[in-house]
Each structure stands twice: as C-alpha cells, then as structure tokens.
PDB file of all heavy atoms in Angstrom:
ATOM      1  N   VAL A   1     -18.661  -8.726   2.619  1.00  0.00           N
ATOM      2  CA  VAL A   1     -19.668  -8.636   1.563  1.00  0.00           C
ATOM      3  C   VAL A   1     -20.537  -9.869   1.682  1.00  0.00           C
ATOM      4  O   VAL A   1     -20.037 -10.994   1.609  1.00  0.00           O
ATOM      5  CB  VAL A   1     -19.014  -8.561   0.165  1.00  0.00           C
ATOM      6  CG1 VAL A   1     -20.077  -8.494  -0.924  1.00  0.00           C
ATOM      7  CG2 VAL A   1     -18.060  -7.372   0.083  1.00  0.00           C
ATOM      8  N   GLY A   2     -21.832  -9.674   1.931  1.00  0.00           N
ATOM      9  CA  GLY A   2     -22.733 -10.813   2.101  1.00  0.00           C
ATOM     10  C   GLY A   2     -22.323 -11.713   3.247  1.00  0.00           C
ATOM     11  O   GLY A   2     -22.510 -12.919   3.189  1.00  0.00           O
ATOM     12  N   GLY A   3     -21.720 -11.139   4.276  1.00  0.00           N
ATOM     13  CA  GLY A   3     -21.288 -11.909   5.436  1.00  0.00           C
ATOM     14  C   GLY A   3     -19.957 -12.618   5.264  1.00  0.00           C
ATOM     15  O   GLY A   3     -19.473 -13.273   6.175  1.00  0.00           O
ATOM     16  N   VAL A   4     -19.342 -12.485   4.094  1.00  0.00           N
ATOM     17  CA  VAL A   4     -18.047 -13.121   3.819  1.00  0.00           C
ATOM     18  C   VAL A   4     -16.969 -12.042   3.893  1.00  0.00           C
ATOM     19  O   VAL A   4     -17.060 -11.011   3.211  1.00  0.00           O
ATOM     20  CB  VAL A   4     -18.029 -13.784   2.428  1.00  0.00           C
ATOM     21  CG1 VAL A   4     -16.669 -14.404   2.135  1.00  0.00           C
ATOM     22  CG2 VAL A   4     -19.143 -14.812   2.315  1.00  0.00           C
ATOM     23  N   ALA A   5     -15.958 -12.286   4.704  1.00  0.00           N
ATOM     24  CA  ALA A   5     -14.881 -11.305   4.857  1.00  0.00           C
ATOM     25  C   ALA A   5     -14.182 -11.062   3.531  1.00  0.00           C
ATOM     26  O   ALA A   5     -13.813 -12.010   2.832  1.00  0.00           O
ATOM     27  CB  ALA A   5     -13.879 -11.778   5.903  1.00  0.00           C
ATOM     28  N   ALA A   6     -14.042  -9.785   3.203  1.00  0.00           N
ATOM     29  CA  ALA A   6     -13.270  -9.426   2.015  1.00  0.00           C
ATOM     30  C   ALA A   6     -11.798  -9.626   2.342  1.00  0.00           C
ATOM     31  O   ALA A   6     -11.406  -9.636   3.509  1.00  0.00           O
ATOM     32  CB  ALA A   6     -13.537  -7.979   1.628  1.00  0.00           C
ATOM     33  N   THR A   7     -11.004  -9.809   1.306  1.00  0.00           N
ATOM     34  CA  THR A   7      -9.568  -9.912   1.550  1.00  0.00           C
ATOM     35  C   THR A   7      -9.120  -8.628   2.229  1.00  0.00           C
ATOM     36  O   THR A   7      -9.809  -7.612   2.186  1.00  0.00           O
ATOM     37  CB  THR A   7      -8.807 -10.088   0.223  1.00  0.00           C
ATOM     38  OG1 THR A   7      -9.155  -9.019  -0.647  1.00  0.00           O
ATOM     39  CG2 THR A   7      -9.136 -11.411  -0.424  1.00  0.00           C
ATOM     40  N   THR A   8      -7.976  -8.665   2.864  1.00  0.00           N
ATOM     41  CA  THR A   8      -7.476  -7.484   3.560  1.00  0.00           C
ATOM     42  C   THR A   8      -7.624  -6.289   2.638  1.00  0.00           C
ATOM     43  O   THR A   8      -7.146  -6.318   1.501  1.00  0.00           O
ATOM     44  CB  THR A   8      -5.999  -7.671   3.947  1.00  0.00           C
ATOM     45  OG1 THR A   8      -5.892  -8.832   4.751  1.00  0.00           O
ATOM     46  CG2 THR A   8      -5.465  -6.467   4.684  1.00  0.00           C
ATOM     47  N   PRO A   9      -8.333  -5.248   3.098  1.00  0.00           N
ATOM     48  CA  PRO A   9      -8.497  -4.082   2.217  1.00  0.00           C
ATOM     49  C   PRO A   9      -7.149  -3.580   1.699  1.00  0.00           C
ATOM     50  O   PRO A   9      -6.145  -3.589   2.408  1.00  0.00           O
ATOM     51  CB  PRO A   9      -9.165  -3.055   3.124  1.00  0.00           C
ATOM     52  CG  PRO A   9      -9.925  -3.891   4.111  1.00  0.00           C
ATOM     53  CD  PRO A   9      -9.026  -5.086   4.356  1.00  0.00           C
ATOM     54  N   LEU A  10      -7.151  -3.154   0.437  1.00  0.00           N
ATOM     55  CA  LEU A  10      -5.940  -2.666  -0.204  1.00  0.00           C
ATOM     56  C   LEU A  10      -5.586  -1.267   0.293  1.00  0.00           C
ATOM     57  O   LEU A  10      -4.422  -0.889   0.302  1.00  0.00           O
ATOM     58  CB  LEU A  10      -6.136  -2.658  -1.718  1.00  0.00           C
ATOM     59  CG  LEU A  10      -6.585  -3.997  -2.304  1.00  0.00           C
ATOM     60  CD1 LEU A  10      -7.026  -3.836  -3.753  1.00  0.00           C
ATOM     61  CD2 LEU A  10      -5.470  -5.008  -2.186  1.00  0.00           C
ATOM     62  N   PHE A  11      -6.609  -0.494   0.679  1.00  0.00           N
ATOM     63  CA  PHE A  11      -6.393   0.839   1.224  1.00  0.00           C
ATOM     64  C   PHE A  11      -7.565   1.198   2.119  1.00  0.00           C
ATOM     65  O   PHE A  11      -8.718   0.946   1.775  1.00  0.00           O
ATOM     66  CB  PHE A  11      -6.269   1.886   0.108  1.00  0.00           C
ATOM     67  CG  PHE A  11      -6.214   3.302   0.620  1.00  0.00           C
ATOM     68  CD1 PHE A  11      -5.105   3.766   1.313  1.00  0.00           C
ATOM     69  CD2 PHE A  11      -7.285   4.157   0.428  1.00  0.00           C
ATOM     70  CE1 PHE A  11      -5.060   5.064   1.809  1.00  0.00           C
ATOM     71  CE2 PHE A  11      -7.248   5.461   0.917  1.00  0.00           C
ATOM     72  CZ  PHE A  11      -6.128   5.912   1.605  1.00  0.00           C
ATOM     73  N   GLU A  12      -7.249   1.800   3.264  1.00  0.00           N
ATOM     74  CA  GLU A  12      -8.244   2.338   4.192  1.00  0.00           C
ATOM     75  C   GLU A  12      -7.701   3.667   4.676  1.00  0.00           C
ATOM     76  O   GLU A  12      -6.647   3.693   5.313  1.00  0.00           O
ATOM     77  CB  GLU A  12      -8.418   1.440   5.410  1.00  0.00           C
ATOM     78  CG  GLU A  12      -8.748   0.012   5.137  1.00  0.00           C
ATOM     79  CD  GLU A  12      -8.505  -0.863   6.369  1.00  0.00           C
ATOM     80  OE1 GLU A  12      -7.597  -0.585   7.169  1.00  0.00           O
ATOM     81  OE2 GLU A  12      -9.234  -1.842   6.509  1.00  0.00           O
ATOM     82  N   GLY A  13      -8.368   4.751   4.352  1.00  0.00           N
ATOM     83  CA  GLY A  13      -7.872   6.042   4.818  1.00  0.00           C
ATOM     84  C   GLY A  13      -8.655   7.194   4.238  1.00  0.00           C
ATOM     85  O   GLY A  13      -9.739   7.023   3.687  1.00  0.00           O
ATOM     86  N   MET A  14      -8.075   8.389   4.384  1.00  0.00           N
ATOM     87  CA  MET A  14      -8.712   9.586   3.846  1.00  0.00           C
ATOM     88  C   MET A  14      -8.624   9.542   2.327  1.00  0.00           C
ATOM     89  O   MET A  14      -7.572   9.220   1.766  1.00  0.00           O
ATOM     90  CB  MET A  14      -8.006  10.846   4.359  1.00  0.00           C
ATOM     91  CG  MET A  14      -8.049  11.025   5.875  1.00  0.00           C
ATOM     92  SD  MET A  14      -9.705  11.303   6.552  1.00  0.00           S
ATOM     93  CE  MET A  14     -10.158  12.843   5.821  1.00  0.00           C
ATOM     94  N   ALA A  15      -9.744   9.858   1.659  1.00  0.00           N
ATOM     95  CA  ALA A  15      -9.758   9.888   0.200  1.00  0.00           C
ATOM     96  C   ALA A  15      -8.863  11.038  -0.259  1.00  0.00           C
ATOM     97  O   ALA A  15      -9.088  12.187   0.127  1.00  0.00           O
ATOM     98  CB  ALA A  15     -11.178  10.065  -0.321  1.00  0.00           C
ATOM     99  N   PRO A  16      -7.829  10.741  -1.033  1.00  0.00           N
ATOM    100  CA  PRO A  16      -6.891  11.792  -1.434  1.00  0.00           C
ATOM    101  C   PRO A  16      -7.579  12.986  -2.081  1.00  0.00           C
ATOM    102  O   PRO A  16      -8.452  12.807  -2.932  1.00  0.00           O
ATOM    103  CB  PRO A  16      -5.977  11.086  -2.435  1.00  0.00           C
ATOM    104  CG  PRO A  16      -6.079   9.641  -2.091  1.00  0.00           C
ATOM    105  CD  PRO A  16      -7.488   9.451  -1.604  1.00  0.00           C
ATOM    106  N   THR A  17      -7.237  14.161  -1.623  1.00  0.00           N
ATOM    107  CA  THR A  17      -7.687  15.479  -2.103  1.00  0.00           C
ATOM    108  C   THR A  17      -9.153  15.794  -1.799  1.00  0.00           C
ATOM    109  O   THR A  17      -9.659  16.807  -2.256  1.00  0.00           O
ATOM    110  CB  THR A  17      -7.417  15.678  -3.612  1.00  0.00           C
ATOM    111  OG1 THR A  17      -8.318  14.876  -4.375  1.00  0.00           O
ATOM    112  CG2 THR A  17      -5.964  15.375  -3.976  1.00  0.00           C
ATOM    113  N   LEU A  18      -9.849  14.962  -1.011  1.00  0.00           N
ATOM    114  CA  LEU A  18     -11.264  15.192  -0.711  1.00  0.00           C
ATOM    115  C   LEU A  18     -11.454  15.358   0.797  1.00  0.00           C
ATOM    116  O   LEU A  18     -11.366  14.391   1.550  1.00  0.00           O
ATOM    117  CB  LEU A  18     -12.125  14.036  -1.240  1.00  0.00           C
ATOM    118  CG  LEU A  18     -12.054  13.813  -2.755  1.00  0.00           C
ATOM    119  CD1 LEU A  18     -12.753  12.524  -3.139  1.00  0.00           C
ATOM    120  CD2 LEU A  18     -12.646  14.997  -3.497  1.00  0.00           C
ATOM    121  N   ALA A  19     -11.725  16.564   1.242  1.00  0.00           N
ATOM    122  CA  ALA A  19     -11.837  16.871   2.669  1.00  0.00           C
ATOM    123  C   ALA A  19     -12.984  16.117   3.328  1.00  0.00           C
ATOM    124  O   ALA A  19     -14.091  16.042   2.787  1.00  0.00           O
ATOM    125  CB  ALA A  19     -12.031  18.371   2.873  1.00  0.00           C
ATOM    126  N   GLY A  20     -12.715  15.537   4.509  1.00  0.00           N
ATOM    127  CA  GLY A  20     -13.739  14.890   5.316  1.00  0.00           C
ATOM    128  C   GLY A  20     -14.267  13.572   4.785  1.00  0.00           C
ATOM    129  O   GLY A  20     -15.258  13.063   5.285  1.00  0.00           O
ATOM    130  N   LEU A  21     -13.622  12.996   3.786  1.00  0.00           N
ATOM    131  CA  LEU A  21     -14.122  11.780   3.156  1.00  0.00           C
ATOM    132  C   LEU A  21     -13.083  10.666   3.284  1.00  0.00           C
ATOM    133  O   LEU A  21     -11.902  10.885   3.053  1.00  0.00           O
ATOM    134  CB  LEU A  21     -14.409  12.035   1.674  1.00  0.00           C
ATOM    135  CG  LEU A  21     -15.068  10.917   0.888  1.00  0.00           C
ATOM    136  CD1 LEU A  21     -16.485  10.650   1.400  1.00  0.00           C
ATOM    137  CD2 LEU A  21     -15.126  11.289  -0.597  1.00  0.00           C
ATOM    138  N   TYR A  22     -13.557   9.478   3.675  1.00  0.00           N
ATOM    139  CA  TYR A  22     -12.690   8.299   3.747  1.00  0.00           C
ATOM    140  C   TYR A  22     -12.970   7.400   2.556  1.00  0.00           C
ATOM    141  O   TYR A  22     -14.027   7.482   1.930  1.00  0.00           O
ATOM    142  CB  TYR A  22     -12.969   7.499   5.022  1.00  0.00           C
ATOM    143  CG  TYR A  22     -12.540   8.174   6.292  1.00  0.00           C
ATOM    144  CD1 TYR A  22     -13.384   9.053   6.955  1.00  0.00           C
ATOM    145  CD2 TYR A  22     -11.294   7.910   6.852  1.00  0.00           C
ATOM    146  CE1 TYR A  22     -13.006   9.669   8.135  1.00  0.00           C
ATOM    147  CE2 TYR A  22     -10.906   8.515   8.039  1.00  0.00           C
ATOM    148  CZ  TYR A  22     -11.760   9.393   8.678  1.00  0.00           C
ATOM    149  OH  TYR A  22     -11.383   9.993   9.843  1.00  0.00           O
ATOM    150  N   GLN A  23     -12.034   6.496   2.287  1.00  0.00           N
ATOM    151  CA  GLN A  23     -12.148   5.560   1.177  1.00  0.00           C
ATOM    152  C   GLN A  23     -11.584   4.217   1.612  1.00  0.00           C
ATOM    153  O   GLN A  23     -10.564   4.158   2.289  1.00  0.00           O
ATOM    154  CB  GLN A  23     -11.351   6.106  -0.008  1.00  0.00           C
ATOM    155  CG  GLN A  23     -11.271   5.208  -1.209  1.00  0.00           C
ATOM    156  CD  GLN A  23     -10.462   5.861  -2.326  1.00  0.00           C
ATOM    157  OE1 GLN A  23     -10.330   7.072  -2.397  1.00  0.00           O
ATOM    158  NE2 GLN A  23      -9.920   5.037  -3.208  1.00  0.00           N
ATOM    159  N   ILE A  24     -12.262   3.147   1.216  1.00  0.00           N
ATOM    160  CA  ILE A  24     -11.747   1.787   1.406  1.00  0.00           C
ATOM    161  C   ILE A  24     -11.738   1.123   0.036  1.00  0.00           C
ATOM    162  O   ILE A  24     -12.730   1.174  -0.695  1.00  0.00           O
ATOM    163  CB  ILE A  24     -12.615   0.958   2.377  1.00  0.00           C
ATOM    164  CG1 ILE A  24     -12.633   1.591   3.772  1.00  0.00           C
ATOM    165  CG2 ILE A  24     -12.107  -0.476   2.450  1.00  0.00           C
ATOM    166  CD1 ILE A  24     -13.550   0.868   4.748  1.00  0.00           C
ATOM    167  N   ASP A  25     -10.624   0.501  -0.317  1.00  0.00           N
ATOM    168  CA  ASP A  25     -10.502  -0.246  -1.570  1.00  0.00           C
ATOM    169  C   ASP A  25     -10.330  -1.720  -1.210  1.00  0.00           C
ATOM    170  O   ASP A  25      -9.489  -2.067  -0.385  1.00  0.00           O
ATOM    171  CB  ASP A  25      -9.275   0.216  -2.367  1.00  0.00           C
ATOM    172  CG  ASP A  25      -9.334   1.688  -2.736  1.00  0.00           C
ATOM    173  OD1 ASP A  25     -10.425   2.275  -2.729  1.00  0.00           O
ATOM    174  OD2 ASP A  25      -8.261   2.258  -3.029  1.00  0.00           O
ATOM    175  N   PHE A  26     -11.140  -2.579  -1.833  1.00  0.00           N
ATOM    176  CA  PHE A  26     -11.081  -4.010  -1.545  1.00  0.00           C
ATOM    177  C   PHE A  26     -11.556  -4.795  -2.750  1.00  0.00           C
ATOM    178  O   PHE A  26     -12.049  -4.225  -3.724  1.00  0.00           O
ATOM    179  CB  PHE A  26     -11.930  -4.356  -0.314  1.00  0.00           C
ATOM    180  CG  PHE A  26     -13.393  -4.083  -0.481  1.00  0.00           C
ATOM    181  CD1 PHE A  26     -14.263  -5.089  -0.889  1.00  0.00           C
ATOM    182  CD2 PHE A  26     -13.919  -2.818  -0.251  1.00  0.00           C
ATOM    183  CE1 PHE A  26     -15.616  -4.841  -1.061  1.00  0.00           C
ATOM    184  CE2 PHE A  26     -15.269  -2.559  -0.421  1.00  0.00           C
ATOM    185  CZ  PHE A  26     -16.124  -3.567  -0.822  1.00  0.00           C
ATOM    186  N   THR A  27     -11.405  -6.111  -2.697  1.00  0.00           N
ATOM    187  CA  THR A  27     -11.911  -6.976  -3.758  1.00  0.00           C
ATOM    188  C   THR A  27     -13.046  -7.835  -3.210  1.00  0.00           C
ATOM    189  O   THR A  27     -13.094  -8.134  -2.016  1.00  0.00           O
ATOM    190  CB  THR A  27     -10.802  -7.878  -4.334  1.00  0.00           C
ATOM    191  OG1 THR A  27     -10.230  -8.634  -3.274  1.00  0.00           O
ATOM    192  CG2 THR A  27      -9.726  -7.056  -5.022  1.00  0.00           C
TER     193      THR A  27
END
C-alpha cells in the first residue's frame, strides 16, 4: 500500500461461495 509492504496477508485465495473470484485480506 503506497509502496509499503502490508503485513503478511491474513488470507489469499478463492472468495468463499463466489465462483471465479479471489480475495485477499490484509491490514
């Protein structure tokens, strides 16, 4: 974010129950 590495993403993968969509959760 703004060239600063986010902490290790909390989740990276397929968005649950949503076909063809990925999701990344981070702070």
